[in-house]
Amino acid sequence: MRVDRKWILAAVLTLLAVPAGVALMGGVSFHVANRSNRTMIIGGRERDYLLYVPTSYDSTKPAPLVISLHGAGLWGAAQQEISQWNRVADREAFLVVYPSGDRGSGLRVWHTDDDTRLSPDVYFIAALIDTLEAQYNIDRMRIYANGLSNGGGMSFVLSCTLSDRIAAVGMVGAALTLPWQWCSDSHPVPAIWFHGTADAAAPYHGGTSWVAQTRPFPSIPKFVANWSRRNQCGDTPVDSVVAADITRSEYTQCADDATVVLYTIHGGGHTWPGGGLLPEAWVGPTNREIDASRLMWDFFSAHPLRRH
């Protein structure tokens, strides 16, 4: 069984953990207010996405674009609710787009475990950027990608395939199903990570989990250290305590100022810190000491694209 199918099963189990009444209200809310509002055809397949344009957007001024990617089995509107990016966009006047993964014959997923099926997802994101640049005044030096779980794995992929367009990336509870060696792009890309030590789906220290029982996930600290070497950073990160349960590790002295930051959430689950609540029985607790989207935006805004 492929890893992505296991992620789909995990997502279904997570959704089943939501009480029926809450699930019904949530489903109606998604359908009425938060369903995807745009579609495009890529490689003969219809792909859809949810675009949020804040009222603070001024078409006479170039605006940043944030691309936020959902976890396996979910969809763009779910990522909007989980990440709460819209409230940051309102204050900072940038656009947010929530693409949906390929639905194929089942629930939606980003094909980050199979190199042969990965290209259509990359083409979709590249075409999505082209489309939004044609329709809005997008600042091409400030386009950023981030994601949860399988979407975090896709953010890693985009840093290796679209580093000439994506200025920086963010990963929350990243499910990394491609090995570090897969990435052949050595261009420095700033990266910010959030990962819980009690993440039972994508374990912080690596290994198999109830989601992926045959293919182990990598250690997050080691993967982040590999990223710092890609960015030619100093060998030793600067550690600091930012909250009772949060440690921040930052690799500095990087090429092109492409810093790499890891927020370790001690006791945190497979969730988005400061974001929408997920069923704790399946994914663990959601930390409220920090706001991942707010911190991610602060990081992104300090890292415009450096031309190769």
Protein backbone atom coordinates (compact mmCIF):
# COMPACT_ATOMS: atom_id res chain seq x y z
CA MET A 1 0.00 0.00 0.00
CA ARG A 2 1.37 3.43 -0.89
CA VAL A 3 2.10 5.93 1.86
CA ASP A 4 -0.36 8.43 0.41
CA ARG A 5 -3.21 5.93 0.78
CA LYS A 6 -2.30 5.47 4.42
CA TRP A 7 -2.46 9.26 4.79
CA ILE A 8 -5.93 9.19 3.26
CA LEU A 9 -6.98 6.56 5.79
CA ALA A 10 -5.56 8.67 8.59
CA ALA A 11 -7.50 11.70 7.39
CA VAL A 12 -10.72 9.70 7.22
CA LEU A 13 -10.17 8.43 10.76
CA THR A 14 -9.52 11.99 11.90
CA LEU A 15 -12.75 13.19 10.32
CA LEU A 16 -14.64 10.31 11.90
CA ALA A 17 -13.37 11.44 15.29
CA VAL A 18 -15.37 14.67 14.98
CA PRO A 19 -18.81 14.47 16.64
CA ALA A 20 -21.58 14.10 14.04
CA GLY A 21 -23.25 17.42 14.82
CA VAL A 22 -19.97 19.33 14.63
CA ALA A 23 -19.05 17.54 11.42
CA LEU A 24 -22.43 18.43 9.89
CA MET A 25 -22.14 22.09 10.84
CA GLY A 26 -18.56 22.15 9.63
CA GLY A 27 -19.55 20.51 6.36
CA VAL A 28 -22.32 23.04 5.75
CA SER A 29 -19.97 25.90 6.64
CA PHE A 30 -17.34 24.64 4.22
CA HIS A 31 -19.90 24.17 1.45
CA VAL A 32 -21.59 27.55 1.86
CA ALA A 33 -18.69 29.82 2.75
CA ASN A 34 -15.40 28.08 2.21
CA ARG A 35 -15.65 25.85 -0.84
CA SER A 36 -13.12 26.21 -3.63
CA ASN A 37 -13.98 29.21 -5.78
CA ARG A 38 -11.68 28.74 -8.78
CA THR A 39 -10.77 25.89 -11.14
CA MET A 40 -8.22 25.32 -13.89
CA ILE A 41 -7.33 22.49 -16.23
CA ILE A 42 -3.82 21.03 -15.91
CA GLY A 43 -2.80 18.06 -18.03
CA GLY A 44 -6.41 17.36 -18.88
CA ARG A 45 -7.47 17.23 -15.23
CA GLU A 46 -9.56 19.79 -13.41
CA ARG A 47 -7.81 21.25 -10.37
CA ASP A 48 -9.45 23.63 -7.94
CA TYR A 49 -8.35 26.16 -5.37
CA LEU A 50 -9.71 28.64 -2.86
CA LEU A 51 -8.45 32.21 -3.25
CA TYR A 52 -8.66 34.82 -0.52
CA VAL A 53 -8.22 38.47 -1.50
CA PRO A 54 -8.39 40.72 1.59
CA THR A 55 -10.19 44.03 1.49
CA SER A 56 -6.81 45.60 2.33
CA TYR A 57 -5.49 44.56 -1.09
CA ASP A 58 -4.61 47.60 -3.23
CA SER A 59 -4.30 46.75 -6.91
CA THR A 60 -1.93 49.69 -7.45
CA LYS A 61 0.67 48.11 -5.15
CA PRO A 62 2.43 44.74 -5.65
CA ALA A 63 1.13 42.30 -3.03
CA PRO A 64 2.78 39.17 -1.65
CA LEU A 65 1.22 35.77 -2.32
CA VAL A 66 1.07 32.95 0.23
CA ILE A 67 0.33 29.42 -1.04
CA SER A 68 -0.94 27.18 1.78
CA LEU A 69 -1.19 23.42 1.21
CA HIS A 70 -3.50 21.04 3.05
CA GLY A 71 -2.71 17.64 4.53
CA ALA A 72 -3.56 14.37 2.79
CA GLY A 73 -7.26 13.58 2.59
CA LEU A 74 -8.21 17.21 3.25
CA TRP A 75 -8.81 20.11 0.85
CA GLY A 76 -8.18 23.81 0.40
CA ALA A 77 -11.07 25.03 2.53
CA ALA A 78 -10.02 22.77 5.40
CA GLN A 79 -6.51 24.26 5.24
CA GLN A 80 -8.01 27.74 5.39
CA GLU A 81 -9.81 26.87 8.62
CA ILE A 82 -6.85 25.06 10.16
CA SER A 83 -4.14 27.61 9.34
CA GLN A 84 -6.16 30.80 9.89
CA TRP A 85 -3.99 32.57 7.31
CA ASN A 86 -6.82 34.93 6.30
CA ARG A 87 -6.66 36.97 9.49
CA VAL A 88 -2.94 37.59 8.92
CA ALA A 89 -3.62 38.51 5.29
CA ASP A 90 -6.22 41.06 6.39
CA ARG A 91 -3.65 42.89 8.50
CA GLU A 92 -0.73 42.61 6.09
CA ALA A 93 -2.51 43.02 2.74
CA PHE A 94 -1.37 39.88 0.94
CA LEU A 95 -3.27 37.25 -1.03
CA VAL A 96 -3.63 33.66 0.16
CA VAL A 97 -4.43 30.73 -2.09
CA TYR A 98 -5.39 27.28 -0.84
CA PRO A 99 -4.94 24.76 -3.68
CA SER A 100 -6.50 21.32 -3.46
CA GLY A 101 -4.49 18.20 -4.17
CA ASP A 102 -5.31 15.69 -6.86
CA ARG A 103 -8.47 13.83 -5.95
CA GLY A 104 -7.75 10.94 -8.35
CA SER A 105 -10.00 8.03 -7.43
CA GLY A 106 -10.35 9.08 -3.80
CA LEU A 107 -9.64 11.86 -1.36
CA ARG A 108 -7.18 14.63 -2.14
CA VAL A 109 -3.44 14.18 -1.76
CA TRP A 110 -0.12 15.68 -2.85
CA HIS A 111 1.93 12.96 -4.53
CA THR A 112 5.10 13.48 -2.52
CA ASP A 113 5.90 9.78 -2.13
CA ASP A 114 6.18 8.95 -5.83
CA ASP A 115 8.55 10.91 -8.07
CA THR A 116 6.81 9.64 -11.22
CA ARG A 117 3.48 11.17 -10.19
CA LEU A 118 4.87 14.34 -8.64
CA SER A 119 5.27 16.49 -11.77
CA PRO A 120 1.53 17.25 -12.29
CA ASP A 121 1.33 18.75 -8.79
CA VAL A 122 4.38 20.93 -9.45
CA TYR A 123 2.97 22.01 -12.83
CA PHE A 124 -0.33 22.85 -11.12
CA ILE A 125 1.34 25.14 -8.56
CA ALA A 126 3.48 26.79 -11.26
CA ALA A 127 0.41 27.37 -13.45
CA LEU A 128 -1.52 28.66 -10.45
CA ILE A 129 1.19 31.26 -9.81
CA ASP A 130 1.07 32.25 -13.51
CA THR A 131 -2.71 32.63 -13.37
CA LEU A 132 -2.72 34.77 -10.24
CA GLU A 133 0.12 36.95 -11.54
CA ALA A 134 -1.98 37.62 -14.66
CA GLN A 135 -5.08 38.54 -12.63
CA TYR A 136 -3.61 40.43 -9.67
CA ASN A 137 -0.69 42.70 -8.93
CA ILE A 138 1.50 40.01 -7.36
CA ASP A 139 4.95 40.86 -6.08
CA ARG A 140 7.07 38.22 -7.82
CA MET A 141 9.81 38.63 -5.25
CA ARG A 142 7.47 37.68 -2.39
CA ILE A 143 5.74 34.40 -3.21
CA TYR A 144 5.80 31.86 -0.37
CA ALA A 145 4.65 28.28 0.15
CA ASN A 146 3.74 26.43 3.33
CA GLY A 147 1.75 23.41 4.37
CA LEU A 148 0.56 20.98 6.99
CA SER A 149 1.64 17.33 7.05
CA ASN A 150 1.52 16.07 3.43
CA GLY A 151 1.31 19.76 2.44
CA GLY A 152 4.52 20.37 4.36
CA GLY A 153 6.13 17.61 2.32
CA MET A 154 4.89 19.33 -0.83
CA SER A 155 6.44 22.61 0.37
CA PHE A 156 9.79 20.80 0.52
CA VAL A 157 9.20 19.62 -3.06
CA LEU A 158 8.44 23.17 -4.23
CA SER A 159 11.64 24.45 -2.64
CA CYS A 160 13.52 21.96 -4.84
CA THR A 161 11.56 22.46 -8.07
CA LEU A 162 10.46 26.12 -8.03
CA SER A 163 13.28 27.82 -6.12
CA ASP A 164 13.39 30.47 -8.86
CA ARG A 165 9.84 31.53 -7.91
CA ILE A 166 9.27 30.55 -4.27
CA ALA A 167 11.09 32.92 -1.92
CA ALA A 168 10.75 30.87 1.29
CA VAL A 169 8.80 27.92 2.64
CA GLY A 170 7.16 26.85 5.88
CA MET A 171 6.35 23.39 7.20
CA VAL A 172 4.01 22.36 10.02
CA GLY A 173 4.08 18.74 11.14
CA ALA A 174 5.73 17.95 7.81
CA ALA A 175 5.25 14.42 6.49
CA LEU A 176 8.43 13.93 4.49
CA THR A 177 8.12 10.90 2.22
CA LEU A 178 10.90 11.78 -0.21
CA PRO A 179 14.47 11.42 1.08
CA TRP A 180 16.67 14.47 1.49
CA GLN A 181 18.94 13.18 -1.28
CA TRP A 182 16.04 13.49 -3.75
CA CYS A 183 16.47 17.27 -3.77
CA SER A 184 19.09 18.14 -6.37
CA ASP A 185 18.58 21.92 -6.17
CA SER A 186 21.36 23.47 -4.12
CA HIS A 187 20.04 27.05 -4.23
CA PRO A 188 19.54 28.43 -0.70
CA VAL A 189 15.85 28.64 0.26
CA PRO A 190 14.87 30.10 3.66
CA ALA A 191 12.74 27.67 5.66
CA ILE A 192 10.74 27.76 8.88
CA TRP A 193 9.50 24.62 10.65
CA PHE A 194 7.00 23.83 13.41
CA HIS A 195 6.90 20.28 14.77
CA GLY A 196 5.58 18.67 17.93
CA THR A 197 7.58 16.13 19.91
CA ALA A 198 4.39 14.15 20.56
CA ASP A 199 3.44 14.01 16.87
CA ALA A 200 2.31 10.39 16.49
CA ALA A 201 1.68 10.68 12.74
CA ALA A 202 5.02 12.15 11.58
CA PRO A 203 7.33 11.45 14.55
CA TYR A 204 9.67 14.26 15.54
CA HIS A 205 12.63 11.90 15.87
CA GLY A 206 11.69 9.89 12.79
CA GLY A 207 10.59 6.30 12.30
CA THR A 208 7.38 4.57 11.31
CA SER A 209 3.99 5.51 12.68
CA TRP A 210 0.36 4.43 12.58
CA VAL A 211 0.15 6.49 9.37
CA ALA A 212 3.13 4.95 7.57
CA GLN A 213 3.98 1.54 8.96
CA THR A 214 6.52 0.39 6.36
CA ARG A 215 8.41 3.50 5.27
CA PRO A 216 10.06 5.47 8.08
CA PHE A 217 9.90 9.24 8.30
CA PRO A 218 13.18 11.11 8.77
CA SER A 219 14.24 12.80 11.99
CA ILE A 220 13.04 16.41 11.83
CA PRO A 221 16.12 17.93 13.54
CA LYS A 222 18.40 16.02 11.14
CA PHE A 223 16.34 17.06 8.11
CA VAL A 224 16.48 20.69 9.25
CA ALA A 225 20.26 20.37 9.72
CA ASN A 226 20.53 19.04 6.15
CA TRP A 227 18.55 22.06 4.96
CA SER A 228 20.94 24.37 6.78
CA ARG A 229 23.85 22.74 4.97
CA ARG A 230 22.03 23.27 1.68
CA ASN A 231 21.81 26.96 2.61
CA GLN A 232 25.49 27.02 3.64
CA CYS A 233 24.63 28.11 7.18
CA GLY A 234 26.80 27.90 10.25
CA ASP A 235 27.11 24.44 11.79
CA THR A 236 25.52 25.16 15.16
CA PRO A 237 22.01 26.61 15.60
CA VAL A 238 21.24 29.34 18.11
CA ASP A 239 18.69 27.97 20.59
CA SER A 240 16.24 30.02 22.64
CA VAL A 241 13.17 29.38 24.76
CA VAL A 242 10.23 31.42 23.45
CA ALA A 243 7.47 29.94 25.64
CA ALA A 244 7.04 27.33 28.36
CA ASP A 245 6.76 24.50 25.82
CA ILE A 246 8.50 26.03 22.79
CA THR A 247 12.16 25.94 21.80
CA ARG A 248 13.41 27.91 18.80
CA SER A 249 16.54 26.82 16.92
CA GLU A 250 17.90 29.14 14.24
CA TYR A 251 20.69 28.45 11.77
CA THR A 252 22.35 31.74 10.83
CA GLN A 253 25.29 32.97 8.71
CA CYS A 254 23.62 31.39 5.67
CA ALA A 255 24.20 32.15 2.00
CA ASP A 256 21.85 34.86 0.70
CA ASP A 257 20.63 35.34 4.30
CA ALA A 258 18.60 32.12 3.83
CA THR A 259 18.12 31.35 7.52
CA VAL A 260 16.56 28.10 8.71
CA VAL A 261 14.39 28.06 11.84
CA LEU A 262 12.84 25.15 13.76
CA TYR A 263 10.18 25.66 16.43
CA THR A 264 10.02 22.53 18.58
CA ILE A 265 6.68 22.21 20.37
CA HIS A 266 7.33 20.02 23.39
CA GLY A 267 4.32 17.75 23.83
CA GLY A 268 2.72 19.15 20.66
CA GLY A 269 0.73 16.95 18.31
CA HIS A 270 0.18 16.74 14.56
CA THR A 271 -1.49 20.15 14.54
CA TRP A 272 -1.09 23.83 13.53
CA PRO A 273 0.04 25.91 16.56
CA GLY A 274 -2.41 28.74 17.18
CA GLY A 275 -4.66 27.51 14.36
CA GLY A 276 -8.01 25.79 14.08
CA LEU A 277 -8.63 22.92 16.45
CA LEU A 278 -8.34 19.33 15.22
CA PRO A 279 -9.61 16.18 17.02
CA GLU A 280 -7.11 15.75 19.85
CA ALA A 281 -7.89 12.04 20.19
CA TRP A 282 -6.32 11.42 16.79
CA VAL A 283 -3.77 14.18 16.22
CA GLY A 284 -2.82 15.34 19.71
CA PRO A 285 -3.02 18.78 21.35
CA THR A 286 -2.88 22.10 19.50
CA ASN A 287 -0.41 24.46 21.13
CA ARG A 288 -1.77 27.96 21.92
CA GLU A 289 1.44 29.61 23.12
CA ILE A 290 2.44 30.68 19.61
CA ASP A 291 0.70 31.52 16.34
CA ALA A 292 2.45 29.59 13.57
CA SER A 293 0.89 31.64 10.75
CA ARG A 294 1.85 34.94 12.35
CA LEU A 295 5.42 33.78 13.01
CA MET A 296 5.64 32.31 9.54
CA TRP A 297 4.58 35.60 7.99
CA ASP A 298 7.17 37.52 10.02
CA PHE A 299 9.78 35.09 8.68
CA PHE A 300 8.49 35.28 5.09
CA SER A 301 8.34 39.08 5.04
CA ALA A 302 12.03 39.20 6.02
CA HIS A 303 13.00 36.92 3.11
CA PRO A 304 12.18 38.17 -0.40
CA LEU A 305 13.35 36.12 -3.37
CA ARG A 306 17.03 36.24 -4.23
CA ARG A 307 17.55 35.84 -7.97
CA HIS A 308 19.81 32.93 -8.94
